[in-house]
Amino acid sequence: MATEFNDMRLTASLDDLSQWKAFLEKVASRDLITIVETSKPYPNRDSTILHRQYYKVKFNGEIH
């Protein structure tokens, strides 16, 4: 079983980040990952559309 944490950075529109959040929560509800930390969305520099959001996750199984 994996014990290390993995940092994820997602870059997308706010709507897409919302969909990614729902997806990651669904994966977590199946105990495949544990979401340890989530940031708020931050606007990307020089972009009015794209934002970034950070996650810290733990994989709850063997990674092959």
N, C-alpha and C. Protein backbone atom coordinates (compact mmCIF):
# COMPACT_ATOMS: atom_id res chain seq x y z
N MET A 1 0.84 -1.18 0.00
CA MET A 1 0.00 0.00 0.00
C MET A 1 0.89 1.24 0.00
N ALA A 2 0.53 2.20 -0.80
CA ALA A 2 1.30 3.44 -0.90
C ALA A 2 1.06 4.29 0.34
N THR A 3 2.13 4.89 0.85
CA THR A 3 1.98 5.74 2.03
C THR A 3 2.40 7.17 1.77
N GLU A 4 3.01 7.43 0.63
CA GLU A 4 3.46 8.79 0.35
C GLU A 4 2.31 9.63 -0.21
N PHE A 5 2.47 10.92 -0.05
CA PHE A 5 1.49 11.86 -0.58
C PHE A 5 1.95 12.34 -1.94
N ASN A 6 1.01 12.63 -2.79
CA ASN A 6 1.30 13.12 -4.14
C ASN A 6 0.66 14.48 -4.31
N ASP A 7 1.43 15.42 -4.81
CA ASP A 7 0.93 16.76 -5.08
C ASP A 7 0.41 16.83 -6.50
N MET A 8 -0.78 17.36 -6.65
CA MET A 8 -1.39 17.52 -7.96
C MET A 8 -1.70 18.99 -8.18
N ARG A 9 -1.46 19.46 -9.38
CA ARG A 9 -1.84 20.81 -9.77
C ARG A 9 -2.71 20.68 -11.01
N LEU A 10 -3.92 21.17 -10.91
CA LEU A 10 -4.84 21.15 -12.05
C LEU A 10 -4.97 22.57 -12.58
N THR A 11 -4.94 22.72 -13.89
CA THR A 11 -5.13 24.00 -14.54
C THR A 11 -6.28 23.87 -15.51
N ALA A 12 -7.33 24.68 -15.31
CA ALA A 12 -8.52 24.58 -16.13
C ALA A 12 -9.42 25.77 -15.83
N SER A 13 -10.54 25.83 -16.53
CA SER A 13 -11.54 26.86 -16.22
C SER A 13 -12.18 26.51 -14.87
N LEU A 14 -12.86 27.48 -14.28
CA LEU A 14 -13.53 27.21 -12.99
C LEU A 14 -14.55 26.10 -13.10
N ASP A 15 -15.29 26.06 -14.21
CA ASP A 15 -16.27 24.99 -14.41
C ASP A 15 -15.59 23.63 -14.47
N ASP A 16 -14.49 23.56 -15.21
CA ASP A 16 -13.76 22.29 -15.33
C ASP A 16 -13.14 21.89 -14.00
N LEU A 17 -12.63 22.86 -13.23
CA LEU A 17 -12.08 22.53 -11.91
C LEU A 17 -13.16 21.96 -11.00
N SER A 18 -14.36 22.48 -11.12
CA SER A 18 -15.48 21.96 -10.35
C SER A 18 -15.77 20.51 -10.72
N GLN A 19 -15.70 20.21 -12.01
CA GLN A 19 -15.92 18.83 -12.46
C GLN A 19 -14.80 17.92 -12.00
N TRP A 20 -13.55 18.40 -12.02
CA TRP A 20 -12.44 17.61 -11.52
C TRP A 20 -12.61 17.33 -10.03
N LYS A 21 -13.06 18.33 -9.28
CA LYS A 21 -13.28 18.13 -7.84
C LYS A 21 -14.31 17.03 -7.60
N ALA A 22 -15.41 17.07 -8.35
CA ALA A 22 -16.44 16.03 -8.22
C ALA A 22 -15.88 14.65 -8.57
N PHE A 23 -15.06 14.60 -9.62
CA PHE A 23 -14.45 13.33 -10.02
C PHE A 23 -13.53 12.79 -8.93
N LEU A 24 -12.65 13.66 -8.41
CA LEU A 24 -11.73 13.20 -7.37
C LEU A 24 -12.47 12.78 -6.11
N GLU A 25 -13.55 13.47 -5.77
CA GLU A 25 -14.35 13.08 -4.60
C GLU A 25 -15.01 11.73 -4.83
N LYS A 26 -15.44 11.46 -6.06
CA LYS A 26 -16.03 10.15 -6.37
C LYS A 26 -14.98 9.04 -6.25
N VAL A 27 -13.78 9.31 -6.75
CA VAL A 27 -12.69 8.34 -6.62
C VAL A 27 -12.38 8.11 -5.14
N ALA A 28 -12.37 9.19 -4.35
CA ALA A 28 -12.11 9.07 -2.91
C ALA A 28 -13.21 8.30 -2.21
N SER A 29 -14.46 8.46 -2.65
CA SER A 29 -15.57 7.75 -2.01
C SER A 29 -15.47 6.24 -2.23
N ARG A 30 -14.71 5.83 -3.22
CA ARG A 30 -14.47 4.39 -3.48
C ARG A 30 -13.18 3.91 -2.83
N ASP A 31 -12.61 4.75 -1.96
CA ASP A 31 -11.40 4.43 -1.20
C ASP A 31 -10.19 4.14 -2.07
N LEU A 32 -10.17 4.68 -3.29
CA LEU A 32 -9.01 4.51 -4.15
C LEU A 32 -7.93 5.55 -3.83
N ILE A 33 -8.38 6.72 -3.37
CA ILE A 33 -7.46 7.78 -2.94
C ILE A 33 -8.02 8.40 -1.68
N THR A 34 -7.15 9.10 -0.96
CA THR A 34 -7.56 9.94 0.15
C THR A 34 -7.12 11.35 -0.20
N ILE A 35 -8.07 12.28 -0.20
CA ILE A 35 -7.74 13.69 -0.44
C ILE A 35 -7.32 14.28 0.90
N VAL A 36 -6.05 14.65 1.00
CA VAL A 36 -5.49 15.13 2.25
C VAL A 36 -5.66 16.64 2.37
N GLU A 37 -5.52 17.33 1.24
CA GLU A 37 -5.57 18.80 1.26
C GLU A 37 -6.03 19.30 -0.10
N THR A 38 -6.82 20.37 -0.07
CA THR A 38 -7.31 21.00 -1.29
C THR A 38 -7.16 22.51 -1.14
N SER A 39 -6.66 23.15 -2.18
CA SER A 39 -6.58 24.62 -2.14
C SER A 39 -7.82 25.20 -2.81
N LYS A 40 -7.98 26.48 -2.64
CA LYS A 40 -9.01 27.19 -3.41
C LYS A 40 -8.46 27.41 -4.82
N PRO A 41 -9.31 27.65 -5.79
CA PRO A 41 -8.81 27.96 -7.14
C PRO A 41 -8.15 29.34 -7.16
N TYR A 42 -7.00 29.43 -7.82
CA TYR A 42 -6.28 30.68 -7.98
C TYR A 42 -6.27 31.05 -9.46
N PRO A 43 -6.50 32.31 -9.82
CA PRO A 43 -6.40 32.68 -11.23
C PRO A 43 -4.97 32.54 -11.74
N ASN A 44 -4.82 32.02 -12.94
CA ASN A 44 -3.49 31.96 -13.56
C ASN A 44 -3.06 33.36 -13.97
N ARG A 45 -1.78 33.59 -13.92
CA ARG A 45 -1.26 34.88 -14.37
C ARG A 45 -1.52 35.02 -15.87
N ASP A 46 -1.83 36.19 -16.30
CA ASP A 46 -2.02 36.49 -17.72
C ASP A 46 -3.16 35.70 -18.35
N SER A 47 -4.14 35.28 -17.55
CA SER A 47 -5.28 34.54 -18.11
C SER A 47 -6.55 34.95 -17.38
N THR A 48 -7.58 35.22 -18.14
CA THR A 48 -8.87 35.54 -17.53
C THR A 48 -9.75 34.31 -17.44
N ILE A 49 -9.35 33.23 -18.09
CA ILE A 49 -10.17 32.02 -18.13
C ILE A 49 -9.61 30.92 -17.21
N LEU A 50 -8.31 30.69 -17.28
CA LEU A 50 -7.72 29.56 -16.57
C LEU A 50 -7.41 29.87 -15.11
N HIS A 51 -7.64 28.86 -14.29
CA HIS A 51 -7.32 28.90 -12.87
C HIS A 51 -6.51 27.65 -12.54
N ARG A 52 -5.87 27.66 -11.40
CA ARG A 52 -5.16 26.48 -10.95
C ARG A 52 -5.65 26.11 -9.55
N GLN A 53 -5.59 24.82 -9.27
CA GLN A 53 -6.01 24.33 -7.96
C GLN A 53 -5.08 23.19 -7.57
N TYR A 54 -4.71 23.16 -6.32
CA TYR A 54 -3.75 22.18 -5.82
C TYR A 54 -4.44 21.16 -4.93
N TYR A 55 -4.01 19.92 -5.08
CA TYR A 55 -4.50 18.82 -4.25
C TYR A 55 -3.30 18.06 -3.71
N LYS A 56 -3.45 17.55 -2.51
CA LYS A 56 -2.50 16.59 -1.96
C LYS A 56 -3.31 15.32 -1.73
N VAL A 57 -2.90 14.24 -2.39
CA VAL A 57 -3.65 12.99 -2.31
C VAL A 57 -2.72 11.84 -1.93
N LYS A 58 -3.34 10.80 -1.39
CA LYS A 58 -2.64 9.56 -1.09
C LYS A 58 -3.34 8.46 -1.86
N PHE A 59 -2.59 7.67 -2.60
CA PHE A 59 -3.16 6.53 -3.30
C PHE A 59 -3.32 5.39 -2.32
N ASN A 60 -4.49 4.76 -2.29
CA ASN A 60 -4.80 3.73 -1.30
C ASN A 60 -4.69 2.32 -1.86
N GLY A 61 -3.70 2.06 -2.62
CA GLY A 61 -3.55 0.72 -3.17
C GLY A 61 -2.21 0.58 -3.83
N GLU A 62 -2.02 -0.56 -4.42
CA GLU A 62 -0.77 -0.84 -5.13
C GLU A 62 -0.77 -0.10 -6.46
N ILE A 63 0.33 0.48 -6.79
CA ILE A 63 0.50 1.15 -8.07
C ILE A 63 1.46 0.30 -8.89
N HIS A 64 1.01 -0.14 -10.03
CA HIS A 64 1.85 -1.03 -10.87
C HIS A 64 2.38 -0.28 -12.05
